[in-house]
Amino acid sequence: MYKVLVIDDEIRMLELIELYLEPYAFDCYKTTDANEALTQLIQNRIDLVILDIMMPKMDGFELCEKIREFSSVPIIMLTAREEQADIIKGLKLGADDYITKPFDENELIARMEALLRRVPPKEMVERNGLIWNKEKYELSYLNRVIPLTRKEFELIGYLIKNPNKVYEREMLIELIWGYSAEIEGRTVDSHIRNIREKIGNVEFPIEQHLKTVWGVGYKWIE
């Protein structure tokens, strides 16, 4: 069952979209708040986002940009704004598709299914012989399992799934511990030290790949 996050400032629209998705067995998460949407994306494995533009506090353009800072989840902008400039802006900020209201429910479902078919599974990722397996919650190298804590496993997962992307310490804290967690950057540093030591113990050349970006955070280099 695919998990879909629907973000719109109108409760009626959220309920209508949920009604459309129900016969297709989508698991629907709904919110009118952009910050709540970010929390949902961090805490749940969301497969697709349906995003309105005209929302209070943080509009859909800004929210789309923030999502793209840490996630490649497919995004469909579903909005009453139909100007060509808005469509181009949405796509440039990272949306995968753009549908204007009023919309045809069958077209929405068809576009959702088309995007979901394109998304490669990320339950298992291989980088330089290092295998990150989400299903087993296991990291291994040359058939040797590397004993990581849950937080260490999640942290290295974000890095190796998105090579060459710099993750700030604050972003890693939000992704792994949550927005409300009172965690300092040195906690991330401590976890990185442990990860380097444990992966180094299986003779993987960790220093060639897990890099510190001084004063910012960390990234994985292929």
Protein backbone atom coordinates (compact mmCIF):
# COMPACT_ATOMS: atom_id res chain seq x y z
CA MET A 1 0.00 0.00 0.00
CA TYR A 2 1.44 3.36 -1.05
CA LYS A 3 1.48 6.18 1.50
CA VAL A 4 0.36 9.54 0.10
CA LEU A 5 0.72 12.85 1.93
CA VAL A 6 -1.87 15.46 0.88
CA ILE A 7 -1.19 19.08 1.85
CA ASP A 8 -3.91 21.69 1.32
CA ASP A 9 -5.27 24.56 3.39
CA GLU A 10 -8.89 23.51 2.70
CA ILE A 11 -10.23 20.67 4.83
CA ARG A 12 -12.92 19.99 2.22
CA MET A 13 -10.29 19.46 -0.48
CA LEU A 14 -8.30 17.10 1.76
CA GLU A 15 -11.41 15.02 2.40
CA LEU A 16 -12.33 15.01 -1.30
CA ILE A 17 -8.88 13.79 -2.38
CA GLU A 18 -8.92 11.11 0.32
CA LEU A 19 -12.31 9.98 -1.02
CA TYR A 20 -10.86 9.74 -4.54
CA LEU A 21 -7.84 7.74 -3.35
CA GLU A 22 -9.76 5.31 -1.15
CA PRO A 23 -10.86 2.85 -3.90
CA TYR A 24 -7.22 2.55 -5.02
CA ALA A 25 -6.02 1.44 -1.57
CA PHE A 26 -3.73 4.43 -1.00
CA ASP A 27 -2.90 5.13 2.65
CA CYS A 28 -3.73 8.84 2.90
CA TYR A 29 -2.07 11.28 5.31
CA LYS A 30 -3.62 14.79 5.39
CA THR A 31 -2.51 18.14 6.77
CA THR A 32 -3.18 21.84 6.31
CA ASP A 33 0.13 22.87 7.88
CA ALA A 34 3.51 22.96 6.09
CA ASN A 35 5.57 22.28 9.21
CA GLU A 36 3.37 19.31 10.07
CA ALA A 37 3.91 18.07 6.51
CA LEU A 38 7.70 18.15 7.02
CA THR A 39 7.32 16.20 10.26
CA GLN A 40 5.15 13.59 8.50
CA LEU A 41 7.76 13.18 5.78
CA ILE A 42 10.49 12.63 8.34
CA GLN A 43 8.53 10.27 10.58
CA ASN A 44 6.77 8.19 7.90
CA ARG A 45 7.91 6.52 4.68
CA ILE A 46 5.81 8.67 2.35
CA ASP A 47 5.72 7.47 -1.27
CA LEU A 48 4.13 10.52 -2.93
CA VAL A 49 3.15 14.09 -2.02
CA ILE A 50 0.16 16.06 -3.34
CA LEU A 51 0.84 19.71 -2.63
CA ASP A 52 -1.26 22.87 -2.89
CA ILE A 53 0.49 26.21 -3.46
CA MET A 54 -1.75 28.76 -1.77
CA MET A 55 -1.31 28.06 1.94
CA PRO A 56 -0.78 30.35 4.95
CA LYS A 57 2.59 30.83 6.68
CA MET A 58 4.55 28.77 4.13
CA ASP A 59 3.30 28.41 0.57
CA GLY A 60 3.68 25.32 -1.60
CA PHE A 61 6.66 26.68 -3.50
CA GLU A 62 8.68 27.17 -0.33
CA LEU A 63 7.56 23.84 1.09
CA CYS A 64 8.52 22.03 -2.12
CA GLU A 65 11.98 23.59 -1.91
CA LYS A 66 12.36 22.49 1.72
CA ILE A 67 11.29 18.93 0.92
CA ARG A 68 13.89 18.75 -1.83
CA GLU A 69 16.61 19.60 0.69
CA PHE A 70 16.32 16.08 2.11
CA SER A 71 13.97 13.95 0.03
CA SER A 72 13.42 12.84 -3.58
CA VAL A 73 9.81 11.78 -2.91
CA PRO A 74 7.59 12.39 -5.99
CA ILE A 75 5.63 15.65 -5.68
CA ILE A 76 2.48 16.62 -7.60
CA MET A 77 1.45 20.25 -7.25
CA LEU A 78 -2.36 20.41 -7.27
CA THR A 79 -3.46 24.03 -7.33
CA ALA A 80 -5.83 26.62 -8.73
CA ARG A 81 -2.87 28.66 -9.97
CA GLU A 82 -2.67 28.02 -13.70
CA GLU A 83 -0.29 30.70 -14.96
CA GLN A 84 2.57 29.37 -17.07
CA ALA A 85 5.06 31.14 -14.80
CA ASP A 86 3.70 29.27 -11.75
CA ILE A 87 3.91 25.91 -13.54
CA ILE A 88 7.52 26.56 -14.57
CA LYS A 89 8.43 27.77 -11.07
CA GLY A 90 6.93 24.68 -9.43
CA LEU A 91 8.77 22.29 -11.75
CA LYS A 92 12.05 24.15 -11.35
CA LEU A 93 11.76 23.97 -7.55
CA GLY A 94 11.49 20.20 -7.73
CA ALA A 95 7.86 19.22 -8.37
CA ASP A 96 7.50 16.19 -10.65
CA ASP A 97 4.07 17.13 -12.01
CA TYR A 98 1.61 20.03 -11.94
CA ILE A 99 -2.19 19.74 -12.10
CA THR A 100 -4.61 22.66 -11.98
CA LYS A 101 -7.95 22.78 -10.15
CA PRO A 102 -10.64 21.86 -10.93
CA PHE A 103 -9.19 18.50 -11.84
CA ASP A 104 -10.35 15.13 -13.10
CA GLU A 105 -9.94 12.42 -10.47
CA ASN A 106 -9.03 9.78 -13.06
CA GLU A 107 -6.26 11.99 -14.43
CA LEU A 108 -4.90 12.55 -10.92
CA ILE A 109 -4.82 8.81 -10.21
CA ALA A 110 -3.19 8.08 -13.59
CA ARG A 111 -0.47 10.66 -12.99
CA MET A 112 0.15 9.35 -9.48
CA GLU A 113 0.51 5.80 -10.76
CA ALA A 114 2.85 6.95 -13.54
CA LEU A 115 5.14 8.68 -11.03
CA LEU A 116 5.13 5.74 -8.64
CA ARG A 117 6.15 3.38 -11.45
CA ARG A 118 9.25 5.50 -12.05
CA VAL A 119 10.44 5.49 -8.43
CA PRO A 120 13.23 2.93 -7.90
CA PRO A 121 13.03 0.93 -4.66
CA LYS A 122 15.36 2.28 -2.00
CA GLU A 123 15.08 -0.56 0.47
CA MET A 124 18.57 -1.71 -0.55
CA VAL A 125 21.45 0.49 -1.69
CA GLU A 126 24.97 -0.57 -2.69
CA ARG A 127 27.86 1.91 -2.59
CA ASN A 128 31.40 0.75 -3.33
CA GLY A 129 30.64 -2.75 -2.08
CA LEU A 130 28.93 -1.50 1.08
CA ILE A 131 25.31 -2.75 1.21
CA TRP A 132 22.62 -0.84 3.16
CA ASN A 133 19.53 -3.04 3.56
CA LYS A 134 16.49 -1.27 5.04
CA GLU A 135 14.35 -4.43 5.09
CA LYS A 136 16.85 -6.23 7.33
CA TYR A 137 18.11 -3.04 9.03
CA GLU A 138 21.56 -4.29 8.17
CA LEU A 139 24.78 -2.78 6.82
CA SER A 140 27.33 -5.21 5.39
CA TYR A 141 30.60 -5.36 3.46
CA LEU A 142 31.99 -8.48 1.78
CA ASN A 143 29.31 -10.54 3.53
CA ARG A 144 30.36 -9.21 6.93
CA VAL A 145 27.56 -7.54 8.91
CA ILE A 146 28.54 -4.26 10.57
CA PRO A 147 26.86 -3.87 13.99
CA LEU A 148 25.21 -0.44 14.04
CA THR A 149 22.65 1.08 16.37
CA ARG A 150 19.32 2.12 14.82
CA LYS A 151 20.32 5.81 14.75
CA GLU A 152 23.72 5.00 13.21
CA PHE A 153 22.01 2.86 10.56
CA GLU A 154 19.53 5.63 9.68
CA LEU A 155 22.25 8.28 9.61
CA ILE A 156 24.54 6.39 7.23
CA GLY A 157 21.48 5.54 5.15
CA TYR A 158 20.71 9.18 4.35
CA LEU A 159 24.31 9.76 3.35
CA ILE A 160 24.86 6.76 1.10
CA LYS A 161 21.44 7.02 -0.57
CA ASN A 162 22.25 10.58 -1.63
CA PRO A 163 25.94 10.65 -2.61
CA ASN A 164 27.68 14.02 -2.96
CA LYS A 165 24.85 15.80 -1.12
CA VAL A 166 25.97 17.77 1.93
CA TYR A 167 23.81 17.21 5.01
CA GLU A 168 24.03 19.89 7.66
CA ARG A 169 24.12 18.65 11.23
CA GLU A 170 20.82 20.40 11.96
CA MET A 171 19.14 18.62 9.04
CA LEU A 172 20.42 15.23 10.20
CA ILE A 173 19.07 15.92 13.68
CA GLU A 174 15.63 16.76 12.24
CA LEU A 175 15.61 13.70 9.97
CA ILE A 176 16.71 11.17 12.58
CA TRP A 177 15.68 12.55 15.99
CA GLY A 178 12.81 14.85 14.92
CA TYR A 179 12.09 18.56 15.02
CA SER A 180 11.40 18.73 18.74
CA ALA A 181 14.48 16.79 19.83
CA GLU A 182 16.90 18.69 22.03
CA ILE A 183 20.00 17.29 20.35
CA GLU A 184 23.24 19.16 19.72
CA GLY A 185 25.51 18.89 16.68
CA ARG A 186 28.16 17.05 18.67
CA THR A 187 25.74 14.14 19.05
CA VAL A 188 25.81 13.75 15.26
CA ASP A 189 29.61 14.00 15.35
CA SER A 190 29.74 11.23 17.96
CA HIS A 191 27.54 8.97 15.83
CA ILE A 192 29.72 9.64 12.78
CA ARG A 193 32.85 8.68 14.76
CA ASN A 194 31.22 5.42 15.78
CA ILE A 195 30.13 4.70 12.20
CA ARG A 196 33.64 5.35 10.87
CA GLU A 197 35.19 3.09 13.47
CA LYS A 198 32.72 0.23 12.95
CA ILE A 199 32.90 0.34 9.14
CA GLY A 200 36.68 0.67 9.29
CA ASN A 201 36.81 -2.53 11.37
CA VAL A 202 35.71 -4.55 8.31
CA GLU A 203 38.53 -2.97 6.27
CA PHE A 204 36.26 -0.77 4.17
CA PRO A 205 38.10 2.45 3.11
CA ILE A 206 35.63 4.66 4.97
CA GLU A 207 37.85 7.77 4.99
CA GLN A 208 37.72 7.88 1.18
CA HIS A 209 33.94 8.11 1.15
CA LEU A 210 32.49 9.56 4.36
CA LYS A 211 33.69 13.14 4.35
CA THR A 212 33.41 15.96 6.85
CA VAL A 213 32.38 19.35 5.45
CA TRP A 214 33.98 21.55 8.08
CA GLY A 215 31.60 23.87 9.88
CA VAL A 216 28.61 22.40 8.01
CA GLY A 217 28.09 18.64 8.20
CA TYR A 218 28.82 15.47 6.24
CA LYS A 219 28.53 13.89 2.80
CA TRP A 220 29.21 10.57 1.05
CA ILE A 221 31.59 10.56 -1.91
CA GLU A 222 31.43 7.69 -4.41
